[in-house]
Amino acid sequence: MEAHVNKPTSAVKVLVVDDQPQIVEELCEFLESSGYRCVPCESSQQAIARFSEDVDIGLVLCDLHMPGLDGIQLVQELQRIAGKHRPFEAIMLTGRADKQDVIKALRAGIADYYQKPIDLDELLEGLRRQEVALHERQKSVELGHLNQKLRDLSESIDDLYQDLDKVRRAPRVPLGGEVDREQMPAIFDQLSPRQLDVARLVGKGQTNYQIACELGITENTVKLYVSQVLRLTHMHNRTQLALALSPSGSGGRARVTAH
């Protein structure tokens, strides 16, 4: 048997299953010298346990005629364990090429079969073909996951746009949650929307600098708006303005209208 040295190690592990230890040993030695990591098993039950605990197993070489579960039943059980999101490729090894067994194996989703005594180089070539096929299947699974994530993201974006649209269509909420123009003292009716914004922020006790930051205007502009508001409402200072806008309302309103 020729050793294949300096071969890159495959990321995919090969599950090697045969009830004859000598065959398992020979196959694993050859495949490992060819760049594959092998998981040797001498029964179907052992193979099921190894496959369940090692997600790197992506290729399965198994004998057809074994005690307990035969090779076809074993692959069907591995398919059940793997589900839709863990693809693997299986190759059947058989001591006799019974046509019905081959047909049954292919129908069960087994990719290929080789008759014993096995031509190792031919088997290696077939295994590499199945590794390529496995990578394609893995890509399809990953693309499926990605497409689902994109669909979920698209739905989330749609939801965000709908929420944004609702906010845009909703009546304007005054700054700071204060009462709207209809609920304010009549003396404020003559103020422009921006003057009202400044007045409300003054009412909340904010400094000119804080108001400038919140409204995105300069501090000098804020000072100008404050003086306009005081002049238009006939108030003397910021404290009087704040009292007029306080939630208690009626007391402040009486003081405002008294001027």
C-alpha atoms as a PDB file:
ATOM      1  CA  MET A   1       0.000   0.000   0.000  1.00  0.00           C
ATOM      2  CA  GLU A   2       1.502   3.314  -1.107  1.00  0.00           C
ATOM      3  CA  ALA A   3       1.593   6.067   1.532  1.00  0.00           C
ATOM      4  CA  HIS A   4       0.499   9.513   0.451  1.00  0.00           C
ATOM      5  CA  VAL A   5       2.781  11.921   2.318  1.00  0.00           C
ATOM      6  CA  ASN A   6       2.598  15.703   2.639  1.00  0.00           C
ATOM      7  CA  LYS A   7      -1.121  15.781   1.944  1.00  0.00           C
ATOM      8  CA  PRO A   8      -3.110  18.661   3.475  1.00  0.00           C
ATOM      9  CA  THR A   9      -5.402  17.474   6.239  1.00  0.00           C
ATOM     10  CA  SER A  10      -9.098  17.675   5.379  1.00  0.00           C
ATOM     11  CA  ALA A  11     -11.379  19.538   7.766  1.00  0.00           C
ATOM     12  CA  VAL A  12     -13.913  16.745   7.296  1.00  0.00           C
ATOM     13  CA  LYS A  13     -13.619  13.583   9.381  1.00  0.00           C
ATOM     14  CA  VAL A  14     -14.377  10.133   7.992  1.00  0.00           C
ATOM     15  CA  LEU A  15     -16.422   7.665  10.031  1.00  0.00           C
ATOM     16  CA  VAL A  16     -15.084   4.177   9.147  1.00  0.00           C
ATOM     17  CA  VAL A  17     -17.420   1.345  10.167  1.00  0.00           C
ATOM     18  CA  ASP A  18     -16.845  -2.395   9.718  1.00  0.00           C
ATOM     19  CA  ASP A  19     -17.323  -5.341  12.061  1.00  0.00           C
ATOM     20  CA  GLN A  20     -13.886  -6.638  11.020  1.00  0.00           C
ATOM     21  CA  PRO A  21     -11.209  -4.718  13.015  1.00  0.00           C
ATOM     22  CA  GLN A  22      -8.482  -5.493  10.485  1.00  0.00           C
ATOM     23  CA  ILE A  23     -10.426  -3.773   7.671  1.00  0.00           C
ATOM     24  CA  VAL A  24     -11.132  -0.727   9.871  1.00  0.00           C
ATOM     25  CA  GLU A  25      -7.440  -0.463  10.760  1.00  0.00           C
ATOM     26  CA  GLU A  26      -6.287  -0.818   7.141  1.00  0.00           C
ATOM     27  CA  LEU A  27      -8.792   1.781   5.828  1.00  0.00           C
ATOM     28  CA  CYS A  28      -7.974   4.298   8.566  1.00  0.00           C
ATOM     29  CA  GLU A  29      -4.220   3.930   8.070  1.00  0.00           C
ATOM     30  CA  PHE A  30      -4.562   4.499   4.319  1.00  0.00           C
ATOM     31  CA  LEU A  31      -6.980   7.445   4.602  1.00  0.00           C
ATOM     32  CA  GLU A  32      -4.955   9.157   7.321  1.00  0.00           C
ATOM     33  CA  SER A  33      -1.838   8.888   5.153  1.00  0.00           C
ATOM     34  CA  SER A  34      -3.933  10.571   2.428  1.00  0.00           C
ATOM     35  CA  GLY A  35      -4.857  13.582   4.567  1.00  0.00           C
ATOM     36  CA  TYR A  36      -8.087  12.488   6.262  1.00  0.00           C
ATOM     37  CA  ARG A  37      -8.859  12.289   9.968  1.00  0.00           C
ATOM     38  CA  CYS A  38     -10.666   9.037  10.710  1.00  0.00           C
ATOM     39  CA  VAL A  39     -13.035   7.869  13.423  1.00  0.00           C
ATOM     40  CA  PRO A  40     -12.776   4.035  13.584  1.00  0.00           C
ATOM     41  CA  CYS A  41     -15.828   1.986  14.622  1.00  0.00           C
ATOM     42  CA  GLU A  42     -16.428  -1.767  14.787  1.00  0.00           C
ATOM     43  CA  SER A  43     -20.218  -1.732  15.188  1.00  0.00           C
ATOM     44  CA  SER A  44     -23.227   0.299  14.149  1.00  0.00           C
ATOM     45  CA  GLN A  45     -23.992   1.255  17.753  1.00  0.00           C
ATOM     46  CA  GLN A  46     -20.467   2.579  18.254  1.00  0.00           C
ATOM     47  CA  ALA A  47     -20.766   4.485  14.965  1.00  0.00           C
ATOM     48  CA  ILE A  48     -24.035   6.104  16.076  1.00  0.00           C
ATOM     49  CA  ALA A  49     -22.427   7.246  19.342  1.00  0.00           C
ATOM     50  CA  ARG A  50     -19.340   8.685  17.598  1.00  0.00           C
ATOM     51  CA  PHE A  51     -21.395  10.446  14.923  1.00  0.00           C
ATOM     52  CA  SER A  52     -23.661  12.009  17.555  1.00  0.00           C
ATOM     53  CA  GLU A  53     -20.795  13.467  19.560  1.00  0.00           C
ATOM     54  CA  ASP A  54     -18.509  14.635  16.722  1.00  0.00           C
ATOM     55  CA  VAL A  55     -19.995  17.224  14.354  1.00  0.00           C
ATOM     56  CA  ASP A  56     -16.833  17.243  12.209  1.00  0.00           C
ATOM     57  CA  ILE A  57     -17.792  13.847  10.769  1.00  0.00           C
ATOM     58  CA  GLY A  58     -19.034  14.531   7.248  1.00  0.00           C
ATOM     59  CA  LEU A  59     -18.105  11.357   5.351  1.00  0.00           C
ATOM     60  CA  VAL A  60     -19.176   7.824   6.247  1.00  0.00           C
ATOM     61  CA  LEU A  61     -17.611   4.589   4.993  1.00  0.00           C
ATOM     62  CA  CYS A  62     -19.554   1.581   6.212  1.00  0.00           C
ATOM     63  CA  ASP A  63     -19.832  -2.104   5.550  1.00  0.00           C
ATOM     64  CA  LEU A  64     -23.214  -3.304   4.299  1.00  0.00           C
ATOM     65  CA  HIS A  65     -23.447  -6.647   6.148  1.00  0.00           C
ATOM     66  CA  MET A  66     -22.956  -6.155   9.891  1.00  0.00           C
ATOM     67  CA  PRO A  67     -24.578  -7.658  12.991  1.00  0.00           C
ATOM     68  CA  GLY A  68     -27.430  -5.596  14.452  1.00  0.00           C
ATOM     69  CA  LEU A  69     -28.087  -2.659  12.134  1.00  0.00           C
ATOM     70  CA  ASP A  70     -26.743  -3.257   8.637  1.00  0.00           C
ATOM     71  CA  GLY A  71     -25.025  -0.475   6.703  1.00  0.00           C
ATOM     72  CA  ILE A  72     -28.229   0.856   5.119  1.00  0.00           C
ATOM     73  CA  GLN A  73     -30.081   0.951   8.444  1.00  0.00           C
ATOM     74  CA  LEU A  74     -27.060   2.629  10.036  1.00  0.00           C
ATOM     75  CA  VAL A  75     -26.987   5.403   7.423  1.00  0.00           C
ATOM     76  CA  GLN A  76     -30.746   5.909   7.819  1.00  0.00           C
ATOM     77  CA  GLU A  77     -30.265   6.331  11.583  1.00  0.00           C
ATOM     78  CA  LEU A  78     -27.413   8.782  11.020  1.00  0.00           C
ATOM     79  CA  GLN A  79     -29.672  10.741   8.649  1.00  0.00           C
ATOM     80  CA  ARG A  80     -32.301  10.908  11.384  1.00  0.00           C
ATOM     81  CA  ILE A  81     -29.724  12.192  13.886  1.00  0.00           C
ATOM     82  CA  ALA A  82     -28.273  14.736  11.427  1.00  0.00           C
ATOM     83  CA  GLY A  83     -31.614  16.219  10.378  1.00  0.00           C
ATOM     84  CA  LYS A  84     -31.694  18.896   7.681  1.00  0.00           C
ATOM     85  CA  HIS A  85     -28.890  21.063   9.014  1.00  0.00           C
ATOM     86  CA  ARG A  86     -25.978  18.587   9.172  1.00  0.00           C
ATOM     87  CA  PRO A  87     -25.264  17.156   5.725  1.00  0.00           C
ATOM     88  CA  PHE A  88     -22.990  14.129   5.253  1.00  0.00           C
ATOM     89  CA  GLU A  89     -22.150  11.741   2.416  1.00  0.00           C
ATOM     90  CA  ALA A  90     -22.061   7.957   2.792  1.00  0.00           C
ATOM     91  CA  ILE A  91     -20.225   5.266   0.822  1.00  0.00           C
ATOM     92  CA  MET A  92     -21.156   1.591   1.161  1.00  0.00           C
ATOM     93  CA  LEU A  93     -18.618  -1.258   1.233  1.00  0.00           C
ATOM     94  CA  THR A  94     -19.902  -4.735   0.377  1.00  0.00           C
ATOM     95  CA  GLY A  95     -18.444  -8.206   0.107  1.00  0.00           C
ATOM     96  CA  ARG A  96     -20.979  -9.176  -2.526  1.00  0.00           C
ATOM     97  CA  ALA A  97     -22.528  -6.898  -5.094  1.00  0.00           C
ATOM     98  CA  ASP A  98     -26.142  -7.980  -4.811  1.00  0.00           C
ATOM     99  CA  LYS A  99     -28.129  -5.826  -7.227  1.00  0.00           C
ATOM    100  CA  GLN A 100     -31.090  -5.424  -4.866  1.00  0.00           C
ATOM    101  CA  ASP A 101     -28.822  -4.326  -2.023  1.00  0.00           C
ATOM    102  CA  VAL A 102     -27.177  -1.715  -4.263  1.00  0.00           C
ATOM    103  CA  ILE A 103     -30.541  -0.353  -5.398  1.00  0.00           C
ATOM    104  CA  LYS A 104     -31.777  -0.252  -1.802  1.00  0.00           C
ATOM    105  CA  ALA A 105     -28.615   1.594  -0.721  1.00  0.00           C
ATOM    106  CA  LEU A 106     -28.888   4.200  -3.481  1.00  0.00           C
ATOM    107  CA  ARG A 107     -32.565   4.758  -2.689  1.00  0.00           C
ATOM    108  CA  ALA A 108     -31.601   5.321   0.963  1.00  0.00           C
ATOM    109  CA  GLY A 109     -29.391   8.226  -0.097  1.00  0.00           C
ATOM    110  CA  ILE A 110     -26.049   6.424  -0.027  1.00  0.00           C
ATOM    111  CA  ALA A 111     -23.858   8.183  -2.593  1.00  0.00           C
ATOM    112  CA  ASP A 112     -21.664   5.305  -3.833  1.00  0.00           C
ATOM    113  CA  TYR A 113     -20.591   1.717  -3.172  1.00  0.00           C
ATOM    114  CA  TYR A 114     -17.402  -0.343  -3.551  1.00  0.00           C
ATOM    115  CA  GLN A 115     -16.996  -4.102  -3.624  1.00  0.00           C
ATOM    116  CA  LYS A 116     -14.456  -5.903  -1.453  1.00  0.00           C
ATOM    117  CA  PRO A 117     -11.553  -6.461  -1.838  1.00  0.00           C
ATOM    118  CA  ILE A 118     -11.376  -2.690  -2.137  1.00  0.00           C
ATOM    119  CA  ASP A 119      -9.108  -0.862  -4.563  1.00  0.00           C
ATOM    120  CA  LEU A 120      -7.853   1.802  -2.133  1.00  0.00           C
ATOM    121  CA  ASP A 121      -6.844   4.340  -4.765  1.00  0.00           C
ATOM    122  CA  GLU A 122     -10.250   4.044  -6.396  1.00  0.00           C
ATOM    123  CA  LEU A 123     -11.901   4.440  -3.002  1.00  0.00           C
ATOM    124  CA  LEU A 124      -9.786   7.534  -2.267  1.00  0.00           C
ATOM    125  CA  GLU A 125     -10.821   9.088  -5.566  1.00  0.00           C
ATOM    126  CA  GLY A 126     -14.485   8.387  -4.802  1.00  0.00           C
ATOM    127  CA  LEU A 127     -14.133   9.765  -1.278  1.00  0.00           C
ATOM    128  CA  ARG A 128     -12.681  13.003  -2.607  1.00  0.00           C
ATOM    129  CA  ARG A 129     -15.583  13.334  -5.046  1.00  0.00           C
ATOM    130  CA  GLN A 130     -18.005  12.951  -2.150  1.00  0.00           C
ATOM    131  CA  GLU A 131     -16.063  15.534  -0.143  1.00  0.00           C
ATOM    132  CA  VAL A 132     -16.613  18.035  -2.969  1.00  0.00           C
ATOM    133  CA  ALA A 133     -20.317  17.115  -3.067  1.00  0.00           C
ATOM    134  CA  LEU A 134     -20.482  17.564   0.720  1.00  0.00           C
ATOM    135  CA  HIS A 135     -19.009  21.069   0.507  1.00  0.00           C
ATOM    136  CA  GLU A 136     -21.679  21.996  -2.041  1.00  0.00           C
ATOM    137  CA  ARG A 137     -24.422  20.685   0.243  1.00  0.00           C
ATOM    138  CA  GLN A 138     -22.936  22.565   3.192  1.00  0.00           C
ATOM    139  CA  LYS A 139     -22.924  25.762   1.129  1.00  0.00           C
ATOM    140  CA  SER A 140     -26.596  25.244   0.316  1.00  0.00           C
ATOM    141  CA  VAL A 141     -27.424  24.782   4.005  1.00  0.00           C
ATOM    142  CA  GLU A 142     -25.433  27.905   4.943  1.00  0.00           C
ATOM    143  CA  LEU A 143     -27.104  29.899   2.155  1.00  0.00           C
ATOM    144  CA  GLY A 144     -30.463  28.708   3.460  1.00  0.00           C
ATOM    145  CA  HIS A 145     -29.554  29.996   6.943  1.00  0.00           C
ATOM    146  CA  LEU A 146     -28.345  33.291   5.464  1.00  0.00           C
ATOM    147  CA  ASN A 147     -31.490  33.709   3.375  1.00  0.00           C
ATOM    148  CA  GLN A 148     -33.616  33.114   6.470  1.00  0.00           C
ATOM    149  CA  LYS A 149     -31.605  35.711   8.405  1.00  0.00           C
ATOM    150  CA  LEU A 150     -32.039  38.180   5.541  1.00  0.00           C
ATOM    151  CA  ARG A 151     -35.792  37.529   5.499  1.00  0.00           C
ATOM    152  CA  ASP A 152     -35.943  38.088   9.261  1.00  0.00           C
ATOM    153  CA  LEU A 153     -33.887  41.276   8.916  1.00  0.00           C
ATOM    154  CA  SER A 154     -36.115  42.495   6.091  1.00  0.00           C
ATOM    155  CA  GLU A 155     -39.211  41.918   8.234  1.00  0.00           C
ATOM    156  CA  SER A 156     -37.570  43.797  11.113  1.00  0.00           C
ATOM    157  CA  ILE A 157     -36.745  46.733   8.826  1.00  0.00           C
ATOM    158  CA  ASP A 158     -40.321  46.737   7.527  1.00  0.00           C
ATOM    159  CA  ASP A 159     -41.556  46.845  11.113  1.00  0.00           C
ATOM    160  CA  LEU A 160     -39.213  49.744  11.878  1.00  0.00           C
ATOM    161  CA  TYR A 161     -40.407  51.696   8.847  1.00  0.00           C
ATOM    162  CA  GLN A 162     -44.036  51.070   9.813  1.00  0.00           C
ATOM    163  CA  ASP A 163     -43.323  52.302  13.340  1.00  0.00           C
ATOM    164  CA  LEU A 164     -41.531  55.344  11.943  1.00  0.00           C
ATOM    165  CA  ASP A 165     -44.459  56.051   9.639  1.00  0.00           C
ATOM    166  CA  LYS A 166     -46.872  55.857  12.588  1.00  0.00           C
ATOM    167  CA  VAL A 167     -44.746  58.365  14.505  1.00  0.00           C
ATOM    168  CA  ARG A 168     -44.624  60.710  11.538  1.00  0.00           C
ATOM    169  CA  ARG A 169     -48.392  60.539  11.086  1.00  0.00           C
ATOM    170  CA  ALA A 170     -49.126  60.989  14.787  1.00  0.00           C
ATOM    171  CA  PRO A 171     -50.011  64.448  16.151  1.00  0.00           C
ATOM    172  CA  ARG A 172     -46.963  66.451  17.190  1.00  0.00           C
ATOM    173  CA  VAL A 173     -46.067  65.861  20.828  1.00  0.00           C
ATOM    174  CA  PRO A 174     -44.774  69.038  22.498  1.00  0.00           C
ATOM    175  CA  LEU A 175     -41.253  69.008  23.913  1.00  0.00           C
ATOM    176  CA  GLY A 176     -40.899  67.607  27.405  1.00  0.00           C
ATOM    177  CA  GLY A 177     -44.386  66.120  27.369  1.00  0.00           C
ATOM    178  CA  GLU A 178     -45.954  69.469  28.219  1.00  0.00           C
ATOM    179  CA  VAL A 179     -49.480  70.403  27.262  1.00  0.00           C
ATOM    180  CA  ASP A 180     -50.118  71.302  23.620  1.00  0.00           C
ATOM    181  CA  ARG A 181     -51.028  74.723  22.288  1.00  0.00           C
ATOM    182  CA  GLU A 182     -54.769  74.227  22.842  1.00  0.00           C
ATOM    183  CA  GLN A 183     -54.186  73.611  26.557  1.00  0.00           C
ATOM    184  CA  MET A 184     -51.831  76.538  27.066  1.00  0.00           C
ATOM    185  CA  PRO A 185     -52.807  80.014  28.298  1.00  0.00           C
ATOM    186  CA  ALA A 186     -54.231  82.132  25.481  1.00  0.00           C
ATOM    187  CA  ILE A 187     -51.343  84.570  25.818  1.00  0.00           C
ATOM    188  CA  PHE A 188     -49.022  81.962  24.219  1.00  0.00           C
ATOM    189  CA  ASP A 189     -51.132  81.697  21.042  1.00  0.00           C
ATOM    190  CA  GLN A 190     -49.108  84.380  19.285  1.00  0.00           C
ATOM    191  CA  LEU A 191     -45.804  82.475  19.630  1.00  0.00           C
ATOM    192  CA  SER A 192     -44.263  80.670  16.672  1.00  0.00           C
ATOM    193  CA  PRO A 193     -43.578  76.888  16.974  1.00  0.00           C
ATOM    194  CA  ARG A 194     -39.867  77.511  17.633  1.00  0.00           C
ATOM    195  CA  GLN A 195     -40.650  80.219  20.236  1.00  0.00           C
ATOM    196  CA  LEU A 196     -43.002  77.721  21.912  1.00  0.00           C
ATOM    197  CA  ASP A 197     -40.241  75.089  21.941  1.00  0.00           C
ATOM    198  CA  VAL A 198     -37.884  77.532  23.661  1.00  0.00           C
ATOM    199  CA  ALA A 199     -40.596  78.600  26.130  1.00  0.00           C
ATOM    200  CA  ARG A 200     -41.325  75.001  27.114  1.00  0.00           C
ATOM    201  CA  LEU A 201     -37.636  74.228  27.672  1.00  0.00           C
ATOM    202  CA  VAL A 202     -37.299  77.376  29.792  1.00  0.00           C
ATOM    203  CA  GLY A 203     -40.326  76.103  31.701  1.00  0.00           C
ATOM    204  CA  LYS A 204     -38.440  72.855  32.367  1.00  0.00           C
ATOM    205  CA  GLY A 205     -35.628  74.847  33.967  1.00  0.00           C
ATOM    206  CA  GLN A 206     -33.076  74.305  31.202  1.00  0.00           C
ATOM    207  CA  THR A 207     -30.223  76.764  30.700  1.00  0.00           C
ATOM    208  CA  ASN A 208     -29.678  78.596  27.421  1.00  0.00           C
ATOM    209  CA  TYR A 209     -26.790  76.228  26.671  1.00  0.00           C
ATOM    210  CA  GLN A 210     -28.957  73.114  27.255  1.00  0.00           C
ATOM    211  CA  ILE A 211     -31.719  74.564  25.066  1.00  0.00           C
ATOM    212  CA  ALA A 212     -29.189  75.360  22.319  1.00  0.00           C
ATOM    213  CA  CYS A 213     -27.930  71.743  22.380  1.00  0.00           C
ATOM    214  CA  GLU A 214     -31.435  70.249  22.310  1.00  0.00           C
ATOM    215  CA  LEU A 215     -32.732  72.447  19.486  1.00  0.00           C
ATOM    216  CA  GLY A 216     -29.503  72.522  17.483  1.00  0.00           C
ATOM    217  CA  ILE A 217     -29.180  76.309  17.497  1.00  0.00           C
ATOM    218  CA  THR A 218     -26.616  78.721  18.943  1.00  0.00           C
ATOM    219  CA  GLU A 219     -26.812  80.024  22.484  1.00  0.00           C
ATOM    220  CA  ASN A 220     -27.130  83.605  21.172  1.00  0.00           C
ATOM    221  CA  THR A 221     -30.170  82.529  19.138  1.00  0.00           C
ATOM    222  CA  VAL A 222     -31.691  81.003  22.274  1.00  0.00           C
ATOM    223  CA  LYS A 223     -31.199  84.316  24.110  1.00  0.00           C
ATOM    224  CA  LEU A 224     -32.951  86.100  21.251  1.00  0.00           C
ATOM    225  CA  TYR A 225     -35.905  83.683  21.394  1.00  0.00           C
ATOM    226  CA  VAL A 226     -36.174  84.000  25.186  1.00  0.00           C
ATOM    227  CA  SER A 227     -36.308  87.795  24.979  1.00  0.00           C
ATOM    228  CA  GLN A 228     -38.949  87.556  22.218  1.00  0.00           C
ATOM    229  CA  VAL A 229     -41.079  85.187  24.323  1.00  0.00           C
ATOM    230  CA  LEU A 230     -40.863  87.411  27.399  1.00  0.00           C
ATOM    231  CA  ARG A 231     -41.731  90.493  25.359  1.00  0.00           C
ATOM    232  CA  LEU A 232     -44.687  88.849  23.513  1.00  0.00           C
ATOM    233  CA  THR A 233     -46.146  87.381  26.721  1.00  0.00           C
ATOM    234  CA  HIS A 234     -45.502  90.531  28.791  1.00  0.00           C
ATOM    235  CA  MET A 235     -43.488  88.613  31.365  1.00  0.00           C
ATOM    236  CA  HIS A 236     -40.590  89.986  33.362  1.00  0.00           C
ATOM    237  CA  ASN A 237     -38.310  86.978  33.740  1.00  0.00           C
ATOM    238  CA  ARG A 238     -37.757  83.233  33.178  1.00  0.00           C
ATOM    239  CA  THR A 239     -39.231  82.303  36.562  1.00  0.00           C
ATOM    240  CA  GLN A 240     -42.547  83.933  35.700  1.00  0.00           C
ATOM    241  CA  LEU A 241     -42.490  82.112  32.354  1.00  0.00           C
ATOM    242  CA  ALA A 242     -41.830  78.788  34.065  1.00  0.00           C
ATOM    243  CA  LEU A 243     -44.704  79.323  36.502  1.00  0.00           C
ATOM    244  CA  ALA A 244     -47.071  80.071  33.614  1.00  0.00           C
ATOM    245  CA  LEU A 245     -46.127  76.734  31.999  1.00  0.00           C
ATOM    246  CA  SER A 246     -46.240  74.669  35.194  1.00  0.00           C
ATOM    247  CA  PRO A 247     -48.670  71.694  35.235  1.00  0.00           C
ATOM    248  CA  SER A 248     -50.655  73.314  38.062  1.00  0.00           C
ATOM    249  CA  GLY A 249     -51.789  75.676  35.330  1.00  0.00           C
ATOM    250  CA  SER A 250     -54.584  77.729  36.797  1.00  0.00           C
ATOM    251  CA  GLY A 251     -52.481  79.641  39.325  1.00  0.00           C
ATOM    252  CA  GLY A 252     -49.889  80.495  36.732  1.00  0.00           C
ATOM    253  CA  ARG A 253     -52.576  81.359  34.188  1.00  0.00           C
ATOM    254  CA  ALA A 254     -54.174  83.815  36.603  1.00  0.00           C
ATOM    255  CA  ARG A 255     -50.871  85.553  37.198  1.00  0.00           C
ATOM    256  CA  VAL A 256     -50.193  85.759  33.458  1.00  0.00           C
ATOM    257  CA  THR A 257     -53.573  87.186  32.512  1.00  0.00           C
ATOM    258  CA  ALA A 258     -53.419  89.656  35.382  1.00  0.00           C
ATOM    259  CA  HIS A 259     -50.908  91.738  33.413  1.00  0.00           C
END
